[in-house]
Amino acid sequence: MPAGQTGFDDVTFDLISVQYHSLKAGHDYGQYVRDARNAGQEEIAAFFEEVMAQDADRAKRCHEFLRELGGIDTTSPQ
């Protein structure tokens, strides 16, 4: 999407997009963990937790890059 359509440059838009999708996926994985645990599949639940942590790290890195670009406030993600 060209910068003119969003008001943001492409790199900022891309970082925001990756951050959003990482956070959204992380939220969804919580349900996957519960489903696996309810099915007695601890190894699979652990896998989903690992994937969730990777997405959380990805979202945090996006946040840090956006801060460096001056595109967001200086607070840290919780």
Protein backbone atom coordinates (compact mmCIF):
# COMPACT_ATOMS: atom_id res chain seq x y z
CA MET A 1 0.00 0.00 0.00
CA PRO A 2 1.58 3.33 -1.00
CA ALA A 3 2.42 5.82 1.73
CA GLY A 4 -0.11 8.29 0.36
CA GLN A 5 -3.00 6.01 1.24
CA THR A 6 -2.12 5.59 4.93
CA GLY A 7 -0.17 8.69 5.84
CA PHE A 8 2.70 6.48 7.00
CA ASP A 9 5.81 5.48 5.10
CA ASP A 10 5.94 1.87 3.88
CA VAL A 11 8.44 0.69 6.52
CA THR A 12 6.35 2.10 9.39
CA PHE A 13 3.19 0.60 7.95
CA ASP A 14 4.94 -2.77 7.51
CA LEU A 15 6.21 -2.78 11.10
CA ILE A 16 2.77 -1.87 12.43
CA SER A 17 1.25 -4.65 10.34
CA VAL A 18 3.70 -7.29 11.58
CA GLN A 19 3.23 -6.09 15.16
CA TYR A 20 -0.57 -6.26 14.88
CA HIS A 21 -0.56 -9.74 13.36
CA SER A 22 1.94 -11.02 15.93
CA LEU A 23 -0.18 -9.72 18.80
CA LYS A 24 -3.38 -11.08 17.25
CA ALA A 25 -1.82 -14.50 16.69
CA GLY A 26 -0.48 -14.53 20.24
CA HIS A 27 -3.99 -13.96 21.52
CA ASP A 28 -5.34 -16.82 19.39
CA TYR A 29 -2.59 -19.20 20.52
CA GLY A 30 -3.85 -18.91 24.08
CA GLN A 31 -6.94 -20.80 22.98
CA TYR A 32 -4.81 -23.37 21.20
CA VAL A 33 -2.85 -23.97 24.43
CA ARG A 34 -6.10 -24.49 26.34
CA ASP A 35 -7.42 -26.84 23.66
CA ALA A 36 -4.25 -28.95 23.74
CA ARG A 37 -4.26 -29.09 27.54
CA ASN A 38 -7.93 -30.05 27.60
CA ALA A 39 -7.06 -32.88 25.21
CA GLY A 40 -4.20 -34.01 27.46
CA GLN A 41 -1.60 -33.03 24.85
CA GLU A 42 1.05 -31.30 26.98
CA GLU A 43 3.77 -31.51 24.34
CA ILE A 44 1.52 -29.77 21.83
CA ALA A 45 0.49 -27.18 24.45
CA ALA A 46 4.18 -26.48 25.07
CA PHE A 47 4.71 -26.06 21.32
CA PHE A 48 1.88 -23.51 21.15
CA GLU A 49 3.37 -21.66 24.14
CA GLU A 50 6.72 -21.56 22.33
CA VAL A 51 5.07 -20.16 19.20
CA MET A 52 3.19 -17.61 21.33
CA ALA A 53 6.46 -16.47 22.93
CA GLN A 54 8.06 -16.08 19.50
CA ASP A 55 5.20 -13.85 18.36
CA ALA A 56 5.45 -11.81 21.57
CA ASP A 57 9.17 -11.30 20.89
CA ARG A 58 8.40 -10.34 17.29
CA ALA A 59 5.83 -7.77 18.40
CA LYS A 60 8.29 -6.33 20.93
CA ARG A 61 10.99 -5.97 18.26
CA CYS A 62 8.53 -4.13 16.03
CA HIS A 63 7.71 -1.83 18.95
CA GLU A 64 11.41 -1.10 19.44
CA PHE A 65 11.96 -0.39 15.74
CA LEU A 66 8.93 1.91 15.69
CA ARG A 67 10.27 3.78 18.70
CA GLU A 68 13.62 4.23 16.90
CA LEU A 69 11.77 5.60 13.88
CA GLY A 70 9.90 8.02 16.12
CA GLY A 71 6.56 6.48 15.17
CA ILE A 72 5.24 5.67 18.65
CA ASP A 73 5.48 6.72 22.27
CA THR A 74 8.41 5.69 24.43
CA THR A 75 6.56 3.32 26.75
CA SER A 76 7.49 -0.33 26.77
CA PRO A 77 5.01 -3.08 25.98
CA GLN A 78 3.69 -4.85 29.06
